Amino acid sequence: MAGRDPLDEQVARVVDTARAAVGDHPALAPVLDGLADLLADLVERWSLTLGEVYSEGLGVPVVAVLAEGAPAVLKIERPGPAFAAQVATLEAAHGRGYAAVLASDPGRGAVLLERLGSSLASSGLAPAAQVDHLTAALRLAWELPVALAPEVARGDDKAAQLAEIVRRFRQGDDDDRWGAALDRAHELARHLSASRDPGRDVLCHGDPHPGNALQAKGIPRYKLVDPDGFRCEPEYDVGVTVRDFSRAVLACRDHATAVARHDALCVRAADATGTDVDRVRQWAFVERVTTGLYLRWFHDEETAETFLDSATVLVPDSL
């Protein structure tokens, strides 16, 4: 009896790992259903050898590959405008501040990227050092012309979109534990929207947290991946760089210490990028809350709670 085709075995292994990582989330079901056929096609078209599957983070896992013998990574996403904007941003950067694109098929949700090193999130560096690396990468990323990307969906500005997320994702039993943080985030998002100056927009990465920065060989030492590629003020991106250190906030002995340490990060990031520290603080808070709400929707309740609990710690004593 003939043995199983090696390619079929490689594809089956990747698909099984992806299904185990993603679970039954409905947003990714169509991607998983067509993943085997897509992988088989890309292996032939791009001369790939499938390797290790990286299942960190949300979404379909990234696959380490050899592309005509050279190390690369294959990223699969749900095709659509968001993925098209991501690929367009990466291609326009030509490897400057962002991972370089080797091949792409946005219509089918596939992009082949240079293989970089481990993430900044896994580096063990202190939050201040991580912020330094993120802001260095952002300064290069913002060199791309803002005209490359449209505004966020439906013509709304980003702050208005986040205010709507707070409103829609809020649940009736949230008020006792997180009510003050949710109210504050909604208020700040509306303020950021009302005071917006489109003339200051840059082409934002959209989610420049430590997990989206991978070690590179040159300068900067980390390159960004997974851009959303929309236009917004630079303070938005800078706010995201200080958003993810929730456990450090929760480890502080009291409210005043937590606020002081978080504020020091905001000042450091704003100084490194020449941005408005007050708006950096505001974006960071709104993003901390909306990320928690999004993660809960994505069934990652434990991480969601760290974001929302840390936001509650950072709510001012008097509003």
C-alpha atoms as a PDB file:
ATOM      1  CA  MET A   1       0.000   0.000   0.000  1.00  0.00           C
ATOM      2  CA  ALA A   2       1.417   3.389  -1.005  1.00  0.00           C
ATOM      3  CA  GLY A   3       2.402   5.771   1.785  1.00  0.00           C
ATOM      4  CA  ARG A   4       0.794   9.141   2.320  1.00  0.00           C
ATOM      5  CA  ASP A   5       2.109  11.978   0.148  1.00  0.00           C
ATOM      6  CA  PRO A   6       4.647  14.074   2.156  1.00  0.00           C
ATOM      7  CA  LEU A   7       2.998  17.314   1.042  1.00  0.00           C
ATOM      8  CA  ASP A   8      -0.389  16.077   2.217  1.00  0.00           C
ATOM      9  CA  GLU A   9       1.157  15.283   5.591  1.00  0.00           C
ATOM     10  CA  GLN A  10       2.711  18.764   5.846  1.00  0.00           C
ATOM     11  CA  VAL A  11      -0.567  20.453   4.950  1.00  0.00           C
ATOM     12  CA  ALA A  12      -2.589  18.286   7.341  1.00  0.00           C
ATOM     13  CA  ARG A  13      -0.186  19.081  10.179  1.00  0.00           C
ATOM     14  CA  VAL A  14      -0.506  22.833   9.620  1.00  0.00           C
ATOM     15  CA  VAL A  15      -4.300  22.682   9.323  1.00  0.00           C
ATOM     16  CA  ASP A  16      -4.646  20.563  12.475  1.00  0.00           C
ATOM     17  CA  THR A  17      -2.425  22.961  14.436  1.00  0.00           C
ATOM     18  CA  ALA A  18      -4.372  25.962  13.158  1.00  0.00           C
ATOM     19  CA  ARG A  19      -7.709  24.428  14.145  1.00  0.00           C
ATOM     20  CA  ALA A  20      -6.411  23.597  17.611  1.00  0.00           C
ATOM     21  CA  ALA A  21      -5.128  27.153  18.083  1.00  0.00           C
ATOM     22  CA  VAL A  22      -8.183  28.983  16.747  1.00  0.00           C
ATOM     23  CA  GLY A  23     -10.914  26.713  18.064  1.00  0.00           C
ATOM     24  CA  ASP A  24     -14.432  27.307  16.824  1.00  0.00           C
ATOM     25  CA  HIS A  25     -14.321  31.094  16.470  1.00  0.00           C
ATOM     26  CA  PRO A  26     -16.879  31.875  13.734  1.00  0.00           C
ATOM     27  CA  ALA A  27     -14.911  34.750  12.190  1.00  0.00           C
ATOM     28  CA  LEU A  28     -12.109  32.390  11.136  1.00  0.00           C
ATOM     29  CA  ALA A  29     -14.158  29.344  10.143  1.00  0.00           C
ATOM     30  CA  PRO A  30     -14.126  30.185   6.389  1.00  0.00           C
ATOM     31  CA  VAL A  31     -10.338  30.579   6.463  1.00  0.00           C
ATOM     32  CA  LEU A  32      -9.834  27.217   8.157  1.00  0.00           C
ATOM     33  CA  ASP A  33     -12.270  25.477   5.830  1.00  0.00           C
ATOM     34  CA  GLY A  34     -10.240  26.501   2.782  1.00  0.00           C
ATOM     35  CA  LEU A  35      -6.803  26.317   4.366  1.00  0.00           C
ATOM     36  CA  ALA A  36      -5.733  22.904   3.051  1.00  0.00           C
ATOM     37  CA  ASP A  37      -6.407  23.774  -0.596  1.00  0.00           C
ATOM     38  CA  LEU A  38      -4.790  27.199  -0.226  1.00  0.00           C
ATOM     39  CA  LEU A  39      -1.640  25.775   1.351  1.00  0.00           C
ATOM     40  CA  ALA A  40      -1.270  23.128  -1.336  1.00  0.00           C
ATOM     41  CA  ASP A  41      -1.571  25.795  -4.035  1.00  0.00           C
ATOM     42  CA  LEU A  42       0.900  28.188  -2.396  1.00  0.00           C
ATOM     43  CA  VAL A  43       3.464  25.448  -1.837  1.00  0.00           C
ATOM     44  CA  GLU A  44       3.508  24.875  -5.583  1.00  0.00           C
ATOM     45  CA  ARG A  45       3.271  28.512  -6.711  1.00  0.00           C
ATOM     46  CA  TRP A  46       5.878  29.918  -4.331  1.00  0.00           C
ATOM     47  CA  SER A  47       8.124  26.834  -4.070  1.00  0.00           C
ATOM     48  CA  LEU A  48       7.567  26.430  -0.344  1.00  0.00           C
ATOM     49  CA  THR A  49       8.519  23.799   2.191  1.00  0.00           C
ATOM     50  CA  LEU A  50       6.232  23.990   5.219  1.00  0.00           C
ATOM     51  CA  GLY A  51       7.904  23.995   8.626  1.00  0.00           C
ATOM     52  CA  GLU A  52       7.096  24.948  12.211  1.00  0.00           C
ATOM     53  CA  VAL A  53       3.739  26.515  13.052  1.00  0.00           C
ATOM     54  CA  TYR A  54       3.766  29.534  15.373  1.00  0.00           C
ATOM     55  CA  SER A  55       0.494  29.553  17.276  1.00  0.00           C
ATOM     56  CA  GLU A  56       1.092  32.571  19.539  1.00  0.00           C
ATOM     57  CA  GLY A  57      -1.468  35.351  19.510  1.00  0.00           C
ATOM     58  CA  LEU A  58      -4.885  35.497  17.911  1.00  0.00           C
ATOM     59  CA  GLY A  59      -5.891  34.462  14.422  1.00  0.00           C
ATOM     60  CA  VAL A  60      -4.573  31.766  12.103  1.00  0.00           C
ATOM     61  CA  PRO A  61      -1.046  30.693  13.123  1.00  0.00           C
ATOM     62  CA  VAL A  62       1.941  31.820  11.059  1.00  0.00           C
ATOM     63  CA  VAL A  63       3.933  29.073   9.328  1.00  0.00           C
ATOM     64  CA  ALA A  64       7.715  29.005   9.052  1.00  0.00           C
ATOM     65  CA  VAL A  65       8.660  27.994   5.518  1.00  0.00           C
ATOM     66  CA  LEU A  66      11.561  27.690   3.145  1.00  0.00           C
ATOM     67  CA  ALA A  67      10.868  29.676  -0.024  1.00  0.00           C
ATOM     68  CA  GLU A  68      13.133  28.296  -2.730  1.00  0.00           C
ATOM     69  CA  GLY A  69      15.430  27.269   0.114  1.00  0.00           C
ATOM     70  CA  ALA A  70      15.469  30.642   1.921  1.00  0.00           C
ATOM     71  CA  PRO A  71      13.866  31.166   5.367  1.00  0.00           C
ATOM     72  CA  ALA A  72      10.509  32.963   5.300  1.00  0.00           C
ATOM     73  CA  VAL A  73       7.127  32.938   7.025  1.00  0.00           C
ATOM     74  CA  LEU A  74       3.697  32.404   5.514  1.00  0.00           C
ATOM     75  CA  LYS A  75       0.829  34.398   6.966  1.00  0.00           C
ATOM     76  CA  ILE A  76      -2.791  33.510   6.198  1.00  0.00           C
ATOM     77  CA  GLU A  77      -5.688  35.837   7.020  1.00  0.00           C
ATOM     78  CA  ARG A  78      -9.306  36.317   6.091  1.00  0.00           C
ATOM     79  CA  PRO A  79      -9.229  38.156   2.736  1.00  0.00           C
ATOM     80  CA  GLY A  80     -10.893  41.541   2.531  1.00  0.00           C
ATOM     81  CA  PRO A  81     -10.173  45.278   2.782  1.00  0.00           C
ATOM     82  CA  ALA A  82      -8.365  45.015   6.129  1.00  0.00           C
ATOM     83  CA  PHE A  83      -5.912  42.404   4.874  1.00  0.00           C
ATOM     84  CA  ALA A  84      -5.446  44.275   1.591  1.00  0.00           C
ATOM     85  CA  ALA A  85      -4.514  47.416   3.560  1.00  0.00           C
ATOM     86  CA  GLN A  86      -2.057  45.389   5.635  1.00  0.00           C
ATOM     87  CA  VAL A  87      -0.300  43.990   2.580  1.00  0.00           C
ATOM     88  CA  ALA A  88      -0.268  47.372   0.813  1.00  0.00           C
ATOM     89  CA  THR A  89       1.403  48.958   3.838  1.00  0.00           C
ATOM     90  CA  LEU A  90       4.051  46.243   4.067  1.00  0.00           C
ATOM     91  CA  GLU A  91       4.804  46.341   0.358  1.00  0.00           C
ATOM     92  CA  ALA A  92       5.137  50.135   0.321  1.00  0.00           C
ATOM     93  CA  ALA A  93       7.630  50.041   3.205  1.00  0.00           C
ATOM     94  CA  HIS A  94      10.098  47.801   1.313  1.00  0.00           C
ATOM     95  CA  GLY A  95      11.377  46.407   4.611  1.00  0.00           C
ATOM     96  CA  ARG A  96      11.980  49.802   6.250  1.00  0.00           C
ATOM     97  CA  GLY A  97      10.485  49.634   9.744  1.00  0.00           C
ATOM     98  CA  TYR A  98       8.302  46.712   8.632  1.00  0.00           C
ATOM     99  CA  ALA A  99       8.925  43.089   7.670  1.00  0.00           C
ATOM    100  CA  ALA A 100       9.728  42.789   3.959  1.00  0.00           C
ATOM    101  CA  VAL A 101       7.210  41.153   1.614  1.00  0.00           C
ATOM    102  CA  LEU A 102       8.539  38.359  -0.612  1.00  0.00           C
ATOM    103  CA  ALA A 103       5.244  37.457  -2.328  1.00  0.00           C
ATOM    104  CA  SER A 104       1.565  38.143  -1.773  1.00  0.00           C
ATOM    105  CA  ASP A 105      -1.926  37.142  -2.845  1.00  0.00           C
ATOM    106  CA  PRO A 106      -4.240  39.529  -0.947  1.00  0.00           C
ATOM    107  CA  GLY A 107      -7.306  38.228  -2.742  1.00  0.00           C
ATOM    108  CA  ARG A 108      -6.796  34.826  -1.146  1.00  0.00           C
ATOM    109  CA  GLY A 109      -5.523  36.120   2.185  1.00  0.00           C
ATOM    110  CA  ALA A 110      -1.862  35.110   1.865  1.00  0.00           C
ATOM    111  CA  VAL A 111       1.441  36.938   2.231  1.00  0.00           C
ATOM    112  CA  LEU A 112       5.006  35.607   2.330  1.00  0.00           C
ATOM    113  CA  LEU A 113       7.364  37.618   4.561  1.00  0.00           C
ATOM    114  CA  GLU A 114      11.015  37.651   5.480  1.00  0.00           C
ATOM    115  CA  ARG A 115      11.652  35.545   8.563  1.00  0.00           C
ATOM    116  CA  LEU A 116      12.584  37.686  11.533  1.00  0.00           C
ATOM    117  CA  GLY A 117      13.561  36.729  15.072  1.00  0.00           C
ATOM    118  CA  SER A 118      11.665  36.485  18.331  1.00  0.00           C
ATOM    119  CA  SER A 119       9.123  39.052  19.445  1.00  0.00           C
ATOM    120  CA  LEU A 120       9.868  42.040  21.636  1.00  0.00           C
ATOM    121  CA  ALA A 121       7.209  40.704  24.008  1.00  0.00           C
ATOM    122  CA  SER A 122       9.362  37.632  24.676  1.00  0.00           C
ATOM    123  CA  SER A 123      12.611  39.599  25.086  1.00  0.00           C
ATOM    124  CA  GLY A 124      12.440  39.998  28.858  1.00  0.00           C
ATOM    125  CA  LEU A 125      13.291  43.693  28.486  1.00  0.00           C
ATOM    126  CA  ALA A 126      11.824  46.230  30.882  1.00  0.00           C
ATOM    127  CA  PRO A 127       8.763  48.155  29.649  1.00  0.00           C
ATOM    128  CA  ALA A 128      10.804  51.331  29.094  1.00  0.00           C
ATOM    129  CA  ALA A 129      13.270  49.512  26.832  1.00  0.00           C
ATOM    130  CA  GLN A 130      10.430  47.880  24.907  1.00  0.00           C
ATOM    131  CA  VAL A 131       8.828  51.288  24.370  1.00  0.00           C
ATOM    132  CA  ASP A 132      12.165  52.597  23.049  1.00  0.00           C
ATOM    133  CA  HIS A 133      12.319  49.846  20.420  1.00  0.00           C
ATOM    134  CA  LEU A 134       8.690  50.349  19.396  1.00  0.00           C
ATOM    135  CA  THR A 135       9.021  54.096  18.977  1.00  0.00           C
ATOM    136  CA  ALA A 136      12.211  53.664  16.938  1.00  0.00           C
ATOM    137  CA  ALA A 137      10.353  51.378  14.533  1.00  0.00           C
ATOM    138  CA  LEU A 138       7.367  53.732  14.384  1.00  0.00           C
ATOM    139  CA  ARG A 139       9.508  56.691  13.362  1.00  0.00           C
ATOM    140  CA  LEU A 140      10.464  54.749  10.240  1.00  0.00           C
ATOM    141  CA  ALA A 141       6.975  53.362   9.667  1.00  0.00           C
ATOM    142  CA  TRP A 142       5.470  56.851   9.628  1.00  0.00           C
ATOM    143  CA  GLU A 143       7.680  57.839   6.685  1.00  0.00           C
ATOM    144  CA  LEU A 144       5.178  56.148   4.370  1.00  0.00           C
ATOM    145  CA  PRO A 145       2.815  58.601   2.633  1.00  0.00           C
ATOM    146  CA  VAL A 146      -0.520  58.878   4.397  1.00  0.00           C
ATOM    147  CA  ALA A 147      -2.293  58.767   1.038  1.00  0.00           C
ATOM    148  CA  LEU A 148      -1.562  55.028   0.852  1.00  0.00           C
ATOM    149  CA  ALA A 149      -4.412  54.239   3.233  1.00  0.00           C
ATOM    150  CA  PRO A 150      -8.045  55.275   3.521  1.00  0.00           C
ATOM    151  CA  GLU A 151      -9.586  56.372   6.777  1.00  0.00           C
ATOM    152  CA  VAL A 152     -10.991  53.643   8.950  1.00  0.00           C
ATOM    153  CA  ALA A 153     -14.190  51.873   7.945  1.00  0.00           C
ATOM    154  CA  ARG A 154     -17.242  53.904   6.925  1.00  0.00           C
ATOM    155  CA  GLY A 155     -15.268  57.145   7.011  1.00  0.00           C
ATOM    156  CA  ASP A 156     -15.326  57.283  10.819  1.00  0.00           C
ATOM    157  CA  ASP A 157     -12.238  58.468  12.618  1.00  0.00           C
ATOM    158  CA  LYS A 158     -10.505  55.928  14.841  1.00  0.00           C
ATOM    159  CA  ALA A 159     -11.625  57.516  18.098  1.00  0.00           C
ATOM    160  CA  ALA A 160     -15.278  57.399  17.044  1.00  0.00           C
ATOM    161  CA  GLN A 161     -14.832  53.752  16.147  1.00  0.00           C
ATOM    162  CA  LEU A 162     -13.396  52.972  19.584  1.00  0.00           C
ATOM    163  CA  ALA A 163     -16.192  54.858  21.339  1.00  0.00           C
ATOM    164  CA  GLU A 164     -18.649  52.634  19.497  1.00  0.00           C
ATOM    165  CA  ILE A 165     -16.738  49.513  20.584  1.00  0.00           C
ATOM    166  CA  VAL A 166     -17.078  50.558  24.224  1.00  0.00           C
ATOM    167  CA  ARG A 167     -20.803  51.113  23.761  1.00  0.00           C
ATOM    168  CA  ARG A 168     -21.501  47.895  21.867  1.00  0.00           C
ATOM    169  CA  PHE A 169     -19.245  45.483  23.771  1.00  0.00           C
ATOM    170  CA  ARG A 170     -20.201  46.678  27.237  1.00  0.00           C
ATOM    171  CA  GLN A 171     -22.224  44.118  29.181  1.00  0.00           C
ATOM    172  CA  GLY A 172     -24.822  44.706  31.845  1.00  0.00           C
ATOM    173  CA  ASP A 173     -22.785  43.174  34.657  1.00  0.00           C
ATOM    174  CA  ASP A 174     -19.592  45.133  33.869  1.00  0.00           C
ATOM    175  CA  ASP A 175     -20.453  48.200  35.934  1.00  0.00           C
ATOM    176  CA  ASP A 176     -19.612  46.845  39.384  1.00  0.00           C
ATOM    177  CA  ARG A 177     -16.064  45.890  38.415  1.00  0.00           C
ATOM    178  CA  TRP A 178     -15.129  48.068  35.427  1.00  0.00           C
ATOM    179  CA  GLY A 179     -17.836  50.712  35.148  1.00  0.00           C
ATOM    180  CA  ALA A 180     -15.549  53.660  35.926  1.00  0.00           C
ATOM    181  CA  ALA A 181     -12.974  52.524  33.357  1.00  0.00           C
ATOM    182  CA  LEU A 182     -15.598  51.971  30.661  1.00  0.00           C
ATOM    183  CA  ASP A 183     -17.156  55.380  31.307  1.00  0.00           C
ATOM    184  CA  ARG A 184     -13.740  57.046  31.200  1.00  0.00           C
ATOM    185  CA  ALA A 185     -12.757  55.309  27.955  1.00  0.00           C
ATOM    186  CA  HIS A 186     -15.998  56.316  26.251  1.00  0.00           C
ATOM    187  CA  GLU A 187     -15.590  59.927  27.410  1.00  0.00           C
ATOM    188  CA  LEU A 188     -11.975  60.117  26.220  1.00  0.00           C
ATOM    189  CA  ALA A 189     -12.745  58.518  22.863  1.00  0.00           C
ATOM    190  CA  ARG A 190     -15.455  61.094  22.213  1.00  0.00           C
ATOM    191  CA  HIS A 191     -13.050  63.889  23.210  1.00  0.00           C
ATOM    192  CA  LEU A 192     -10.334  62.566  20.891  1.00  0.00           C
ATOM    193  CA  SER A 193     -12.831  62.403  18.050  1.00  0.00           C
ATOM    194  CA  ALA A 194     -14.171  65.917  18.624  1.00  0.00           C
ATOM    195  CA  SER A 195     -10.675  67.440  18.828  1.00  0.00           C
ATOM    196  CA  ARG A 196      -9.235  65.580  15.868  1.00  0.00           C
ATOM    197  CA  ASP A 197      -6.996  67.416  13.372  1.00  0.00           C
ATOM    198  CA  PRO A 198      -6.838  65.369  10.136  1.00  0.00           C
ATOM    199  CA  GLY A 199      -3.954  67.529   8.954  1.00  0.00           C
ATOM    200  CA  ARG A 200      -1.695  65.772  11.465  1.00  0.00           C
ATOM    201  CA  ASP A 201      -2.541  62.263  10.301  1.00  0.00           C
ATOM    202  CA  VAL A 202       0.159  59.720   9.512  1.00  0.00           C
ATOM    203  CA  LEU A 203      -0.108  56.223   8.089  1.00  0.00           C
ATOM    204  CA  CYS A 204      -0.515  54.419  11.404  1.00  0.00           C
ATOM    205  CA  HIS A 205       0.544  50.871  12.081  1.00  0.00           C
ATOM    206  CA  GLY A 206      -2.588  50.552  14.184  1.00  0.00           C
ATOM    207  CA  ASP A 207      -1.440  47.927  16.697  1.00  0.00           C
ATOM    208  CA  PRO A 208       2.286  48.417  17.472  1.00  0.00           C
ATOM    209  CA  HIS A 209       2.434  46.362  20.666  1.00  0.00           C
ATOM    210  CA  PRO A 210       5.502  44.287  21.670  1.00  0.00           C
ATOM    211  CA  GLY A 211       4.063  41.105  20.160  1.00  0.00           C
ATOM    212  CA  ASN A 212       3.939  42.800  16.750  1.00  0.00           C
ATOM    213  CA  ALA A 213       7.634  43.751  16.806  1.00  0.00           C
ATOM    214  CA  LEU A 214      10.118  41.062  15.755  1.00  0.00           C
ATOM    215  CA  GLN A 215      13.883  41.112  16.122  1.00  0.00           C
ATOM    216  CA  ALA A 216      15.817  42.221  13.034  1.00  0.00           C
ATOM    217  CA  LYS A 217      19.507  42.284  12.177  1.00  0.00           C
ATOM    218  CA  GLY A 218      19.832  45.975  11.374  1.00  0.00           C
ATOM    219  CA  ILE A 219      18.621  49.292  12.756  1.00  0.00           C
ATOM    220  CA  PRO A 220      16.051  49.521  14.237  1.00  0.00           C
ATOM    221  CA  ARG A 221      16.616  46.282  16.121  1.00  0.00           C
ATOM    222  CA  TYR A 222      12.945  45.364  15.787  1.00  0.00           C
ATOM    223  CA  LYS A 223      10.636  45.506  12.772  1.00  0.00           C
ATOM    224  CA  LEU A 224       6.866  45.747  12.881  1.00  0.00           C
ATOM    225  CA  VAL A 225       4.440  43.184  11.471  1.00  0.00           C
ATOM    226  CA  ASP A 226       0.653  42.981  11.049  1.00  0.00           C
ATOM    227  CA  PRO A 227      -0.108  46.652  10.323  1.00  0.00           C
ATOM    228  CA  ASP A 228      -3.709  47.778  10.086  1.00  0.00           C
ATOM    229  CA  GLY A 229      -2.621  50.577   7.745  1.00  0.00           C
ATOM    230  CA  PHE A 230      -5.054  53.443   8.385  1.00  0.00           C
ATOM    231  CA  ARG A 231      -4.660  57.188   8.794  1.00  0.00           C
ATOM    232  CA  CYS A 232      -4.804  58.751  12.229  1.00  0.00           C
ATOM    233  CA  GLU A 233      -2.775  61.122  14.394  1.00  0.00           C
ATOM    234  CA  PRO A 234       0.613  59.688  15.475  1.00  0.00           C
ATOM    235  CA  GLU A 235      -0.380  59.830  19.147  1.00  0.00           C
ATOM    236  CA  TYR A 236      -2.685  56.894  18.489  1.00  0.00           C
ATOM    237  CA  ASP A 237       0.206  54.563  17.622  1.00  0.00           C
ATOM    238  CA  VAL A 238       2.296  55.925  20.482  1.00  0.00           C
ATOM    239  CA  GLY A 239      -0.537  55.256  22.916  1.00  0.00           C
ATOM    240  CA  VAL A 240      -0.634  51.635  21.814  1.00  0.00           C
ATOM    241  CA  THR A 241       3.078  51.213  22.601  1.00  0.00           C
ATOM    242  CA  VAL A 242       2.363  51.746  26.321  1.00  0.00           C
ATOM    243  CA  ARG A 243      -0.948  49.885  26.375  1.00  0.00           C
ATOM    244  CA  ASP A 244       0.133  46.301  26.982  1.00  0.00           C
ATOM    245  CA  PHE A 245       1.994  46.392  30.307  1.00  0.00           C
ATOM    246  CA  SER A 246      -1.094  45.526  32.324  1.00  0.00           C
ATOM    247  CA  ARG A 247       0.597  43.155  34.752  1.00  0.00           C
ATOM    248  CA  ALA A 248       3.177  45.823  35.609  1.00  0.00           C
ATOM    249  CA  VAL A 249       0.334  48.207  36.447  1.00  0.00           C
ATOM    250  CA  LEU A 250      -1.428  45.600  38.586  1.00  0.00           C
ATOM    251  CA  ALA A 251       1.817  44.774  40.416  1.00  0.00           C
ATOM    252  CA  CYS A 252       2.123  48.320  41.775  1.00  0.00           C
ATOM    253  CA  ARG A 253       1.457  48.710  45.480  1.00  0.00           C
ATOM    254  CA  ASP A 254      -1.109  51.487  45.088  1.00  0.00           C
ATOM    255  CA  HIS A 255      -2.960  53.724  42.642  1.00  0.00           C
ATOM    256  CA  ALA A 256      -0.466  56.595  42.843  1.00  0.00           C
ATOM    257  CA  THR A 257       2.510  54.365  42.054  1.00  0.00           C
ATOM    258  CA  ALA A 258       0.719  52.737  39.130  1.00  0.00           C
ATOM    259  CA  VAL A 259      -0.246  56.108  37.653  1.00  0.00           C
ATOM    260  CA  ALA A 260       3.267  57.517  38.105  1.00  0.00           C
ATOM    261  CA  ARG A 261       4.965  54.557  36.404  1.00  0.00           C
ATOM    262  CA  HIS A 262       2.481  54.496  33.562  1.00  0.00           C
ATOM    263  CA  ASP A 263       2.784  58.251  33.120  1.00  0.00           C
ATOM    264  CA  ALA A 264       6.574  57.952  32.930  1.00  0.00           C
ATOM    265  CA  LEU A 265       6.184  55.508  30.034  1.00  0.00           C
ATOM    266  CA  CYS A 266       3.806  57.888  28.264  1.00  0.00           C
ATOM    267  CA  VAL A 267       6.260  60.778  28.645  1.00  0.00           C
ATOM    268  CA  ARG A 268       9.139  58.616  27.409  1.00  0.00           C
ATOM    269  CA  ALA A 269       7.216  57.493  24.334  1.00  0.00           C
ATOM    270  CA  ALA A 270       5.962  60.993  23.536  1.00  0.00           C
ATOM    271  CA  ASP A 271       9.441  62.499  23.891  1.00  0.00           C
ATOM    272  CA  ALA A 272      10.916  59.849  21.586  1.00  0.00           C
ATOM    273  CA  THR A 273       8.372  60.612  18.863  1.00  0.00           C
ATOM    274  CA  GLY A 274       7.775  64.337  19.300  1.00  0.00           C
ATOM    275  CA  THR A 275       4.097  63.795  20.058  1.00  0.00           C
ATOM    276  CA  ASP A 276       1.593  65.299  22.517  1.00  0.00           C
ATOM    277  CA  VAL A 277       1.880  63.419  25.802  1.00  0.00           C
ATOM    278  CA  ASP A 278      -1.657  64.279  26.931  1.00  0.00           C
ATOM    279  CA  ARG A 279      -3.167  62.710  23.827  1.00  0.00           C
ATOM    280  CA  VAL A 280      -0.796  59.741  24.141  1.00  0.00           C
ATOM    281  CA  ARG A 281      -2.167  59.142  27.655  1.00  0.00           C
ATOM    282  CA  GLN A 282      -5.734  59.407  26.404  1.00  0.00           C
ATOM    283  CA  TRP A 283      -5.256  57.021  23.481  1.00  0.00           C
ATOM    284  CA  ALA A 284      -3.401  54.572  25.733  1.00  0.00           C
ATOM    285  CA  PHE A 285      -6.313  54.441  28.161  1.00  0.00           C
ATOM    286  CA  VAL A 286      -8.960  54.053  25.463  1.00  0.00           C
ATOM    287  CA  GLU A 287      -6.934  51.308  23.797  1.00  0.00           C
ATOM    288  CA  ARG A 288      -6.383  49.502  27.104  1.00  0.00           C
ATOM    289  CA  VAL A 289     -10.141  49.302  27.643  1.00  0.00           C
ATOM    290  CA  THR A 290     -11.172  48.473  24.078  1.00  0.00           C
ATOM    291  CA  THR A 291      -8.465  45.815  23.791  1.00  0.00           C
ATOM    292  CA  GLY A 292      -9.831  44.186  26.919  1.00  0.00           C
ATOM    293  CA  LEU A 293     -13.348  44.226  25.487  1.00  0.00           C
ATOM    294  CA  TYR A 294     -12.124  42.814  22.167  1.00  0.00           C
ATOM    295  CA  LEU A 295     -10.179  40.014  23.845  1.00  0.00           C
ATOM    296  CA  ARG A 296     -13.247  39.056  25.837  1.00  0.00           C
ATOM    297  CA  TRP A 297     -15.252  38.889  22.597  1.00  0.00           C
ATOM    298  CA  PHE A 298     -12.462  36.669  21.224  1.00  0.00           C
ATOM    299  CA  HIS A 299     -12.934  34.345  24.241  1.00  0.00           C
ATOM    300  CA  ASP A 300      -9.605  35.239  25.901  1.00  0.00           C
ATOM    301  CA  GLU A 301     -11.237  36.181  29.198  1.00  0.00           C
ATOM    302  CA  GLU A 302      -8.126  35.900  31.370  1.00  0.00           C
ATOM    303  CA  THR A 303      -6.073  38.384  29.337  1.00  0.00           C
ATOM    304  CA  ALA A 304      -9.108  40.603  28.867  1.00  0.00           C
ATOM    305  CA  GLU A 305      -9.485  40.922  32.618  1.00  0.00           C
ATOM    306  CA  THR A 306      -5.875  42.080  33.059  1.00  0.00           C
ATOM    307  CA  PHE A 307      -6.479  44.909  30.573  1.00  0.00           C
ATOM    308  CA  LEU A 308      -9.754  45.964  32.165  1.00  0.00           C
ATOM    309  CA  ASP A 309      -8.503  45.602  35.744  1.00  0.00           C
ATOM    310  CA  SER A 310      -5.386  47.664  34.971  1.00  0.00           C
ATOM    311  CA  ALA A 311      -7.529  50.329  33.316  1.00  0.00           C
ATOM    312  CA  THR A 312      -9.604  50.519  36.492  1.00  0.00           C
ATOM    313  CA  VAL A 313      -6.423  51.080  38.522  1.00  0.00           C
ATOM    314  CA  LEU A 314      -5.474  53.983  36.217  1.00  0.00           C
ATOM    315  CA  VAL A 315      -8.820  55.799  36.400  1.00  0.00           C
ATOM    316  CA  PRO A 316      -8.213  59.234  37.999  1.00  0.00           C
ATOM    317  CA  ASP A 317      -9.432  59.668  41.568  1.00  0.00           C
ATOM    318  CA  SER A 318     -11.494  62.663  40.447  1.00  0.00           C
ATOM    319  CA  LEU A 319     -12.826  63.171  36.919  1.00  0.00           C
END
